[in-house]
Full PDB file with SEQRES, HELIX, SHEET, SSBOND, CRYST1, ORIGX, SCALE, CONECT and MASTER records, all heavy atoms in Angstrom:
SEQRES   1 A   35  LYS ASN THR VAL TYR LEU GLN MET ASN ASN LEU LYS PRO          
SEQRES   2 A   35  GLU ASP THR ALA VAL TYR TYR CYS ALA ALA SER SER ARG          
SEQRES   3 A   35  THR SER TYR GLY LEU PRO TYR LEU ASP                          
HELIX    1 AA1 PRO A   13  ASP A   15  5                                   3    
HELIX    2 AA2 LEU A   31  TYR A   33  5                                   3    
CRYST1    1.000    1.000    1.000  90.00  90.00  90.00 P 1           1          
ORIGX1      1.000000  0.000000  0.000000        0.00000                         
ORIGX2      0.000000  1.000000  0.000000        0.00000                         
ORIGX3      0.000000  0.000000  1.000000        0.00000                         
SCALE1      1.000000  0.000000  0.000000        0.00000                         
SCALE2      0.000000  1.000000  0.000000        0.00000                         
SCALE3      0.000000  0.000000  1.000000        0.00000                         
ATOM      1  N   LYS A   1      77.254  26.655  13.698  1.00  0.00           N  
ATOM      2  CA  LYS A   1      76.422  27.822  13.396  1.00  0.00           C  
ATOM      3  C   LYS A   1      75.360  28.046  14.462  1.00  0.00           C  
ATOM      4  O   LYS A   1      74.521  28.946  14.321  1.00  0.00           O  
ATOM      5  CB  LYS A   1      75.755  27.654  12.029  1.00  0.00           C  
ATOM      6  CG  LYS A   1      76.735  27.624  10.866  1.00  0.00           C  
ATOM      7  CD  LYS A   1      76.000  27.523   9.531  1.00  0.00           C  
ATOM      8  CE  LYS A   1      76.976  27.543   8.370  1.00  0.00           C  
ATOM      9  NZ  LYS A   1      76.278  27.439   7.050  1.00  0.00           N  
ATOM     10  N   ASN A   2      75.366  27.211  15.509  1.00  0.00           N  
ATOM     11  CA  ASN A   2      74.350  27.325  16.565  1.00  0.00           C  
ATOM     12  C   ASN A   2      72.939  27.338  15.994  1.00  0.00           C  
ATOM     13  O   ASN A   2      72.086  28.151  16.400  1.00  0.00           O  
ATOM     14  CB  ASN A   2      74.587  28.583  17.405  1.00  0.00           C  
ATOM     15  CG  ASN A   2      75.752  28.430  18.358  1.00  0.00           C  
ATOM     16  OD1 ASN A   2      75.953  27.365  18.936  1.00  0.00           O  
ATOM     17  ND2 ASN A   2      76.531  29.484  18.505  1.00  0.00           N  
ATOM     18  N   THR A   3      72.693  26.433  15.082  1.00  0.00           N  
ATOM     19  CA  THR A   3      71.419  26.411  14.377  1.00  0.00           C  
ATOM     20  C   THR A   3      70.908  24.976  14.241  1.00  0.00           C  
ATOM     21  O   THR A   3      71.685  24.067  13.978  1.00  0.00           O  
ATOM     22  CB  THR A   3      71.545  27.046  12.978  1.00  0.00           C  
ATOM     23  OG1 THR A   3      72.046  28.380  13.114  1.00  0.00           O  
ATOM     24  CG2 THR A   3      70.197  27.116  12.283  1.00  0.00           C  
ATOM     25  N   VAL A   4      69.610  24.840  14.415  1.00  0.00           N  
ATOM     26  CA  VAL A   4      68.911  23.576  14.191  1.00  0.00           C  
ATOM     27  C   VAL A   4      67.910  23.794  13.070  1.00  0.00           C  
ATOM     28  O   VAL A   4      67.300  24.862  12.981  1.00  0.00           O  
ATOM     29  CB  VAL A   4      68.199  23.106  15.475  1.00  0.00           C  
ATOM     30  CG1 VAL A   4      67.422  21.822  15.224  1.00  0.00           C  
ATOM     31  CG2 VAL A   4      69.205  22.904  16.590  1.00  0.00           C  
ATOM     32  N   TYR A   5      67.746  22.778  12.250  1.00  0.00           N  
ATOM     33  CA  TYR A   5      66.887  22.904  11.072  1.00  0.00           C  
ATOM     34  C   TYR A   5      65.775  21.859  11.098  1.00  0.00           C  
ATOM     35  O   TYR A   5      65.895  20.797  11.711  1.00  0.00           O  
ATOM     36  CB  TYR A   5      67.709  22.700   9.797  1.00  0.00           C  
ATOM     37  CG  TYR A   5      68.899  23.614   9.668  1.00  0.00           C  
ATOM     38  CD1 TYR A   5      70.172  23.186  10.035  1.00  0.00           C  
ATOM     39  CD2 TYR A   5      68.748  24.912   9.196  1.00  0.00           C  
ATOM     40  CE1 TYR A   5      71.263  24.030   9.933  1.00  0.00           C  
ATOM     41  CE2 TYR A   5      69.837  25.762   9.085  1.00  0.00           C  
ATOM     42  CZ  TYR A   5      71.093  25.304   9.454  1.00  0.00           C  
ATOM     43  OH  TYR A   5      72.172  26.147   9.346  1.00  0.00           O  
ATOM     44  N   LEU A   6      64.717  22.193  10.387  1.00  0.00           N  
ATOM     45  CA  LEU A   6      63.650  21.220  10.137  1.00  0.00           C  
ATOM     46  C   LEU A   6      63.282  21.328   8.668  1.00  0.00           C  
ATOM     47  O   LEU A   6      62.645  22.306   8.249  1.00  0.00           O  
ATOM     48  CB  LEU A   6      62.424  21.471  11.006  1.00  0.00           C  
ATOM     49  CG  LEU A   6      61.312  20.414  10.880  1.00  0.00           C  
ATOM     50  CD1 LEU A   6      61.782  19.076  11.446  1.00  0.00           C  
ATOM     51  CD2 LEU A   6      60.038  20.869  11.587  1.00  0.00           C  
ATOM     52  N   GLN A   7      63.730  20.357   7.892  1.00  0.00           N  
ATOM     53  CA  GLN A   7      63.370  20.300   6.480  1.00  0.00           C  
ATOM     54  C   GLN A   7      62.033  19.587   6.354  1.00  0.00           C  
ATOM     55  O   GLN A   7      61.891  18.443   6.783  1.00  0.00           O  
ATOM     56  CB  GLN A   7      64.440  19.547   5.686  1.00  0.00           C  
ATOM     57  CG  GLN A   7      64.113  19.363   4.220  1.00  0.00           C  
ATOM     58  CD  GLN A   7      64.112  20.671   3.449  1.00  0.00           C  
ATOM     59  OE1 GLN A   7      65.043  21.455   3.560  1.00  0.00           O  
ATOM     60  NE2 GLN A   7      63.078  20.902   2.654  1.00  0.00           N  
ATOM     61  N   MET A   8      61.070  20.266   5.767  1.00  0.00           N  
ATOM     62  CA  MET A   8      59.718  19.713   5.649  1.00  0.00           C  
ATOM     63  C   MET A   8      59.390  19.523   4.178  1.00  0.00           C  
ATOM     64  O   MET A   8      59.310  20.501   3.425  1.00  0.00           O  
ATOM     65  CB  MET A   8      58.720  20.668   6.305  1.00  0.00           C  
ATOM     66  CG  MET A   8      59.040  20.987   7.755  1.00  0.00           C  
ATOM     67  SD  MET A   8      57.794  22.014   8.550  1.00  0.00           S  
ATOM     68  CE  MET A   8      57.955  23.508   7.603  1.00  0.00           C  
ATOM     69  N   ASN A   9      59.233  18.294   3.776  1.00  0.00           N  
ATOM     70  CA  ASN A   9      58.893  17.955   2.398  1.00  0.00           C  
ATOM     71  C   ASN A   9      57.508  17.351   2.330  1.00  0.00           C  
ATOM     72  O   ASN A   9      56.972  16.869   3.326  1.00  0.00           O  
ATOM     73  CB  ASN A   9      59.919  16.966   1.832  1.00  0.00           C  
ATOM     74  CG  ASN A   9      61.315  17.535   1.749  1.00  0.00           C  
ATOM     75  OD1 ASN A   9      61.492  18.754   1.576  1.00  0.00           O  
ATOM     76  ND2 ASN A   9      62.318  16.682   1.878  1.00  0.00           N  
ATOM     77  N   ASN A  10      56.935  17.360   1.137  1.00  0.00           N  
ATOM     78  CA  ASN A  10      55.615  16.778   0.922  1.00  0.00           C  
ATOM     79  C   ASN A  10      54.622  17.283   1.972  1.00  0.00           C  
ATOM     80  O   ASN A  10      53.923  16.489   2.613  1.00  0.00           O  
ATOM     81  CB  ASN A  10      55.695  15.249   0.948  1.00  0.00           C  
ATOM     82  CG  ASN A  10      54.426  14.586   0.488  1.00  0.00           C  
ATOM     83  OD1 ASN A  10      53.609  15.199  -0.201  1.00  0.00           O  
ATOM     84  ND2 ASN A  10      54.240  13.335   0.870  1.00  0.00           N  
ATOM     85  N   LEU A  11      54.573  18.584   2.106  1.00  0.00           N  
ATOM     86  CA  LEU A  11      53.700  19.179   3.110  1.00  0.00           C  
ATOM     87  C   LEU A  11      52.237  18.851   2.837  1.00  0.00           C  
ATOM     88  O   LEU A  11      51.801  18.755   1.677  1.00  0.00           O  
ATOM     89  CB  LEU A  11      53.899  20.692   3.148  1.00  0.00           C  
ATOM     90  CG  LEU A  11      55.168  21.150   3.884  1.00  0.00           C  
ATOM     91  CD1 LEU A  11      55.518  22.579   3.504  1.00  0.00           C  
ATOM     92  CD2 LEU A  11      54.974  21.027   5.387  1.00  0.00           C  
ATOM     93  N   LYS A  12      51.504  18.710   3.919  1.00  0.00           N  
ATOM     94  CA  LYS A  12      50.072  18.419   3.850  1.00  0.00           C  
ATOM     95  C   LYS A  12      49.313  19.531   4.579  1.00  0.00           C  
ATOM     96  O   LYS A  12      49.877  20.165   5.482  1.00  0.00           O  
ATOM     97  CB  LYS A  12      49.779  17.072   4.517  1.00  0.00           C  
ATOM     98  CG  LYS A  12      50.526  15.897   3.908  1.00  0.00           C  
ATOM     99  CD  LYS A  12      50.230  14.615   4.670  1.00  0.00           C  
ATOM    100  CE  LYS A  12      50.986  13.447   4.053  1.00  0.00           C  
ATOM    101  NZ  LYS A  12      50.686  12.173   4.781  1.00  0.00           N  
ATOM    102  N   PRO A  13      48.072  19.757   4.244  1.00  0.00           N  
ATOM    103  CA  PRO A  13      47.301  20.793   4.954  1.00  0.00           C  
ATOM    104  C   PRO A  13      47.302  20.589   6.469  1.00  0.00           C  
ATOM    105  O   PRO A  13      47.304  21.579   7.218  1.00  0.00           O  
ATOM    106  CB  PRO A  13      45.897  20.638   4.364  1.00  0.00           C  
ATOM    107  CG  PRO A  13      46.129  20.110   2.987  1.00  0.00           C  
ATOM    108  CD  PRO A  13      47.312  19.184   3.122  1.00  0.00           C  
ATOM    109  N   GLU A  14      47.335  19.350   6.911  1.00  0.00           N  
ATOM    110  CA  GLU A  14      47.339  19.090   8.357  1.00  0.00           C  
ATOM    111  C   GLU A  14      48.653  19.441   9.037  1.00  0.00           C  
ATOM    112  O   GLU A  14      48.761  19.381  10.259  1.00  0.00           O  
ATOM    113  CB  GLU A  14      46.979  17.631   8.656  1.00  0.00           C  
ATOM    114  CG  GLU A  14      47.789  16.613   7.887  1.00  0.00           C  
ATOM    115  CD  GLU A  14      47.076  16.124   6.626  1.00  0.00           C  
ATOM    116  OE1 GLU A  14      46.460  16.955   5.913  1.00  0.00           O  
ATOM    117  OE2 GLU A  14      47.166  14.905   6.345  1.00  0.00           O  
ATOM    118  N   ASP A  15      49.665  19.820   8.256  1.00  0.00           N  
ATOM    119  CA  ASP A  15      50.920  20.319   8.831  1.00  0.00           C  
ATOM    120  C   ASP A  15      50.824  21.792   9.202  1.00  0.00           C  
ATOM    121  O   ASP A  15      51.750  22.331   9.825  1.00  0.00           O  
ATOM    122  CB  ASP A  15      52.077  20.125   7.852  1.00  0.00           C  
ATOM    123  CG  ASP A  15      52.376  18.665   7.574  1.00  0.00           C  
ATOM    124  OD1 ASP A  15      52.347  17.860   8.521  1.00  0.00           O  
ATOM    125  OD2 ASP A  15      52.648  18.347   6.394  1.00  0.00           O  
ATOM    126  N   THR A  16      49.740  22.441   8.834  1.00  0.00           N  
ATOM    127  CA  THR A  16      49.557  23.857   9.144  1.00  0.00           C  
ATOM    128  C   THR A  16      49.517  24.051  10.653  1.00  0.00           C  
ATOM    129  O   THR A  16      48.724  23.438  11.357  1.00  0.00           O  
ATOM    130  CB  THR A  16      48.253  24.377   8.521  1.00  0.00           C  
ATOM    131  OG1 THR A  16      48.368  24.310   7.092  1.00  0.00           O  
ATOM    132  CG2 THR A  16      47.988  25.814   8.946  1.00  0.00           C  
ATOM    133  N   ALA A  17      50.435  24.901  11.146  1.00  0.00           N  
ATOM    134  CA  ALA A  17      50.571  25.107  12.587  1.00  0.00           C  
ATOM    135  C   ALA A  17      51.627  26.164  12.840  1.00  0.00           C  
ATOM    136  O   ALA A  17      52.355  26.565  11.922  1.00  0.00           O  
ATOM    137  CB  ALA A  17      50.969  23.804  13.279  1.00  0.00           C  
ATOM    138  N   VAL A  18      51.723  26.576  14.084  1.00  0.00           N  
ATOM    139  CA  VAL A  18      52.870  27.359  14.534  1.00  0.00           C  
ATOM    140  C   VAL A  18      53.918  26.362  15.020  1.00  0.00           C  
ATOM    141  O   VAL A  18      53.608  25.485  15.820  1.00  0.00           O  
ATOM    142  CB  VAL A  18      52.495  28.336  15.660  1.00  0.00           C  
ATOM    143  CG1 VAL A  18      53.729  29.092  16.131  1.00  0.00           C  
ATOM    144  CG2 VAL A  18      51.416  29.309  15.179  1.00  0.00           C  
ATOM    145  N   TYR A  19      55.123  26.505  14.501  1.00  0.00           N  
ATOM    146  CA  TYR A  19      56.211  25.588  14.830  1.00  0.00           C  
ATOM    147  C   TYR A  19      57.158  26.255  15.820  1.00  0.00           C  
ATOM    148  O   TYR A  19      57.592  27.397  15.602  1.00  0.00           O  
ATOM    149  CB  TYR A  19      56.957  25.180  13.569  1.00  0.00           C  
ATOM    150  CG  TYR A  19      56.195  24.155  12.765  1.00  0.00           C  
ATOM    151  CD1 TYR A  19      55.037  24.509  12.066  1.00  0.00           C  
ATOM    152  CD2 TYR A  19      56.599  22.823  12.705  1.00  0.00           C  
ATOM    153  CE1 TYR A  19      54.315  23.570  11.344  1.00  0.00           C  
ATOM    154  CE2 TYR A  19      55.896  21.874  11.979  1.00  0.00           C  
ATOM    155  CZ  TYR A  19      54.752  22.257  11.306  1.00  0.00           C  
ATOM    156  OH  TYR A  19      54.037  21.319  10.591  1.00  0.00           O  
ATOM    157  N   TYR A  20      57.503  25.507  16.868  1.00  0.00           N  
ATOM    158  CA  TYR A  20      58.378  25.996  17.925  1.00  0.00           C  
ATOM    159  C   TYR A  20      59.617  25.128  18.035  1.00  0.00           C  
ATOM    160  O   TYR A  20      59.523  23.897  17.951  1.00  0.00           O  
ATOM    161  CB  TYR A  20      57.665  25.947  19.274  1.00  0.00           C  
ATOM    162  CG  TYR A  20      56.387  26.740  19.354  1.00  0.00           C  
ATOM    163  CD1 TYR A  20      55.172  26.162  19.004  1.00  0.00           C  
ATOM    164  CD2 TYR A  20      56.386  28.058  19.802  1.00  0.00           C  
ATOM    165  CE1 TYR A  20      53.991  26.878  19.074  1.00  0.00           C  
ATOM    166  CE2 TYR A  20      55.215  28.785  19.876  1.00  0.00           C  
ATOM    167  CZ  TYR A  20      54.024  28.184  19.510  1.00  0.00           C  
ATOM    168  OH  TYR A  20      52.851  28.903  19.590  1.00  0.00           O  
ATOM    169  N   CYS A  21      60.762  25.740  18.257  1.00  0.00           N  
ATOM    170  CA  CYS A  21      61.928  24.947  18.616  1.00  0.00           C  
ATOM    171  C   CYS A  21      62.152  25.075  20.117  1.00  0.00           C  
ATOM    172  O   CYS A  21      61.722  26.037  20.741  1.00  0.00           O  
ATOM    173  CB  CYS A  21      63.165  25.340  17.823  1.00  0.00           C  
ATOM    174  SG  CYS A  21      63.909  26.898  18.270  1.00  0.00           S  
ATOM    175  N   ALA A  22      62.820  24.073  20.665  1.00  0.00           N  
ATOM    176  CA  ALA A  22      63.033  24.015  22.100  1.00  0.00           C  
ATOM    177  C   ALA A  22      64.390  23.395  22.390  1.00  0.00           C  
ATOM    178  O   ALA A  22      64.883  22.573  21.614  1.00  0.00           O  
ATOM    179  CB  ALA A  22      61.926  23.189  22.758  1.00  0.00           C  
ATOM    180  N   ALA A  23      64.970  23.791  23.518  1.00  0.00           N  
ATOM    181  CA  ALA A  23      66.285  23.303  23.929  1.00  0.00           C  
ATOM    182  C   ALA A  23      66.199  22.705  25.320  1.00  0.00           C  
ATOM    183  O   ALA A  23      65.550  23.270  26.211  1.00  0.00           O  
ATOM    184  CB  ALA A  23      67.308  24.442  23.914  1.00  0.00           C  
ATOM    185  N   SER A  24      66.875  21.573  25.490  1.00  0.00           N  
ATOM    186  CA  SER A  24      66.881  20.886  26.779  1.00  0.00           C  
ATOM    187  C   SER A  24      68.304  20.713  27.277  1.00  0.00           C  
ATOM    188  O   SER A  24      69.167  20.223  26.548  1.00  0.00           O  
ATOM    189  CB  SER A  24      66.217  19.516  26.651  1.00  0.00           C  
ATOM    190  OG  SER A  24      66.411  18.756  27.835  1.00  0.00           O  
ATOM    191  N   SER A  25      68.523  21.065  28.538  1.00  0.00           N  
ATOM    192  CA  SER A  25      69.833  20.878  29.156  1.00  0.00           C  
ATOM    193  C   SER A  25      69.959  19.501  29.807  1.00  0.00           C  
ATOM    194  O   SER A  25      71.015  19.161  30.335  1.00  0.00           O  
ATOM    195  CB  SER A  25      70.060  21.968  30.214  1.00  0.00           C  
ATOM    196  OG  SER A  25      69.075  21.876  31.230  1.00  0.00           O  
ATOM    197  N   ARG A  26      68.916  18.705  29.753  1.00  0.00           N  
ATOM    198  CA  ARG A  26      68.879  17.395  30.425  1.00  0.00           C  
ATOM    199  C   ARG A  26      69.544  16.314  29.576  1.00  0.00           C  
ATOM    200  O   ARG A  26      68.943  15.282  29.268  1.00  0.00           O  
ATOM    201  CB  ARG A  26      67.443  17.040  30.774  1.00  0.00           C  
ATOM    202  CG  ARG A  26      66.855  17.977  31.819  1.00  0.00           C  
ATOM    203  CD  ARG A  26      65.343  17.910  31.863  1.00  0.00           C  
ATOM    204  NE  ARG A  26      64.776  18.679  32.958  1.00  0.00           N  
ATOM    205  CZ  ARG A  26      64.631  19.988  32.953  1.00  0.00           C  
ATOM    206  NH1 ARG A  26      65.004  20.687  31.911  1.00  0.00           N  
ATOM    207  NH2 ARG A  26      64.112  20.602  34.000  1.00  0.00           N  
ATOM    208  N   THR A  27      70.791  16.570  29.219  1.00  0.00           N  
ATOM    209  CA  THR A  27      71.483  15.688  28.286  1.00  0.00           C  
ATOM    210  C   THR A  27      71.840  14.338  28.887  1.00  0.00           C  
ATOM    211  O   THR A  27      72.012  13.362  28.167  1.00  0.00           O  
ATOM    212  CB  THR A  27      72.759  16.365  27.769  1.00  0.00           C  
ATOM    213  OG1 THR A  27      73.569  16.733  28.894  1.00  0.00           O  
ATOM    214  CG2 THR A  27      72.427  17.620  26.984  1.00  0.00           C  
ATOM    215  N   SER A  28      71.930  14.254  30.220  1.00  0.00           N  
ATOM    216  CA  SER A  28      72.349  12.989  30.832  1.00  0.00           C  
ATOM    217  C   SER A  28      71.251  11.940  30.823  1.00  0.00           C  
ATOM    218  O   SER A  28      71.531  10.756  30.877  1.00  0.00           O  
ATOM    219  CB  SER A  28      72.796  13.241  32.272  1.00  0.00           C  
ATOM    220  OG  SER A  28      71.718  13.757  33.033  1.00  0.00           O  
ATOM    221  N   TYR A  29      69.978  12.369  30.724  1.00  0.00           N  
ATOM    222  CA  TYR A  29      68.899  11.380  30.750  1.00  0.00           C  
ATOM    223  C   TYR A  29      67.755  11.714  29.801  1.00  0.00           C  
ATOM    224  O   TYR A  29      66.805  10.940  29.682  1.00  0.00           O  
ATOM    225  CB  TYR A  29      68.334  11.266  32.168  1.00  0.00           C  
ATOM    226  CG  TYR A  29      67.685  12.524  32.685  1.00  0.00           C  
ATOM    227  CD1 TYR A  29      66.332  12.784  32.458  1.00  0.00           C  
ATOM    228  CD2 TYR A  29      68.416  13.458  33.415  1.00  0.00           C  
ATOM    229  CE1 TYR A  29      65.733  13.930  32.932  1.00  0.00           C  
ATOM    230  CE2 TYR A  29      67.820  14.614  33.878  1.00  0.00           C  
ATOM    231  CZ  TYR A  29      66.484  14.841  33.645  1.00  0.00           C  
ATOM    232  OH  TYR A  29      65.898  15.984  34.102  1.00  0.00           O  
ATOM    233  N   GLY A  30      67.825  12.840  29.117  1.00  0.00           N  
ATOM    234  CA  GLY A  30      66.694  13.281  28.321  1.00  0.00           C  
ATOM    235  C   GLY A  30      66.552  12.653  26.953  1.00  0.00           C  
ATOM    236  O   GLY A  30      65.504  12.751  26.324  1.00  0.00           O  
ATOM    237  N   LEU A  31      67.607  11.985  26.464  1.00  0.00           N  
ATOM    238  CA  LEU A  31      67.570  11.483  25.093  1.00  0.00           C  
ATOM    239  C   LEU A  31      66.385  10.562  24.789  1.00  0.00           C  
ATOM    240  O   LEU A  31      65.766  10.697  23.725  1.00  0.00           O  
ATOM    241  CB  LEU A  31      68.888  10.778  24.766  1.00  0.00           C  
ATOM    242  CG  LEU A  31      69.101  10.420  23.298  1.00  0.00           C  
ATOM    243  CD1 LEU A  31      69.038  11.656  22.410  1.00  0.00           C  
ATOM    244  CD2 LEU A  31      70.452   9.719  23.120  1.00  0.00           C  
ATOM    245  N   PRO A  32      66.011   9.650  25.685  1.00  0.00           N  
ATOM    246  CA  PRO A  32      64.841   8.800  25.378  1.00  0.00           C  
ATOM    247  C   PRO A  32      63.517   9.549  25.434  1.00  0.00           C  
ATOM    248  O   PRO A  32      62.487   8.991  25.057  1.00  0.00           O  
ATOM    249  CB  PRO A  32      64.886   7.738  26.479  1.00  0.00           C  
ATOM    250  CG  PRO A  32      66.255   7.784  27.036  1.00  0.00           C  
ATOM    251  CD  PRO A  32      66.678   9.228  26.917  1.00  0.00           C  
ATOM    252  N   TYR A  33      63.549  10.798  25.886  1.00  0.00           N  
ATOM    253  CA  TYR A  33      62.314  11.548  26.106  1.00  0.00           C  
ATOM    254  C   TYR A  33      62.232  12.796  25.237  1.00  0.00           C  
ATOM    255  O   TYR A  33      61.632  13.794  25.625  1.00  0.00           O  
ATOM    256  CB  TYR A  33      62.195  11.917  27.581  1.00  0.00           C  
ATOM    257  CG  TYR A  33      62.392  10.734  28.493  1.00  0.00           C  
ATOM    258  CD1 TYR A  33      63.519  10.625  29.298  1.00  0.00           C  
ATOM    259  CD2 TYR A  33      61.450   9.711  28.535  1.00  0.00           C  
ATOM    260  CE1 TYR A  33      63.710   9.530  30.117  1.00  0.00           C  
ATOM    261  CE2 TYR A  33      61.632   8.608  29.352  1.00  0.00           C  
ATOM    262  CZ  TYR A  33      62.764   8.521  30.144  1.00  0.00           C  
ATOM    263  OH  TYR A  33      62.950   7.432  30.949  1.00  0.00           O  
ATOM    264  N   LEU A  34      62.831  12.764  24.080  1.00  0.00           N  
ATOM    265  CA  LEU A  34      62.831  13.928  23.195  1.00  0.00           C  
ATOM    266  C   LEU A  34      61.422  14.394  22.848  1.00  0.00           C  
ATOM    267  O   LEU A  34      61.225  15.562  22.515  1.00  0.00           O  
ATOM    268  CB  LEU A  34      63.589  13.617  21.908  1.00  0.00           C  
ATOM    269  CG  LEU A  34      65.106  13.505  22.017  1.00  0.00           C  
ATOM    270  CD1 LEU A  34      65.695  13.005  20.703  1.00  0.00           C  
ATOM    271  CD2 LEU A  34      65.736  14.837  22.412  1.00  0.00           C  
ATOM    272  N   ASP A  35      60.458  13.483  22.932  1.00  0.00           N  
ATOM    273  CA  ASP A  35      59.095  13.828  22.548  1.00  0.00           C  
ATOM    274  C   ASP A  35      58.283  14.443  23.683  1.00  0.00           C  
ATOM    275  O   ASP A  35      57.102  14.746  23.505  1.00  0.00           O  
ATOM    276  CB  ASP A  35      58.367  12.601  22.001  1.00  0.00           C  
ATOM    277  CG  ASP A  35      58.296  11.461  23.011  1.00  0.00           C  
ATOM    278  OD1 ASP A  35      59.125  11.431  23.933  1.00  0.00           O  
ATOM    279  OD2 ASP A  35      57.413  10.605  22.860  1.00  0.00           O  
TER     280      ASP A  35                                                      
MASTER        0    0    0    2    0    0    0    6  279    1    0    3          
END                                                                             
């Protein structure tokens, strides 16, 4: 479906924010650096 999801449970006031999704083409070395 070309879709990524973020299920958010037990939300807290400090979770209030603008949420962004992002895509990386650096698949050969990017996995340890997802953050």
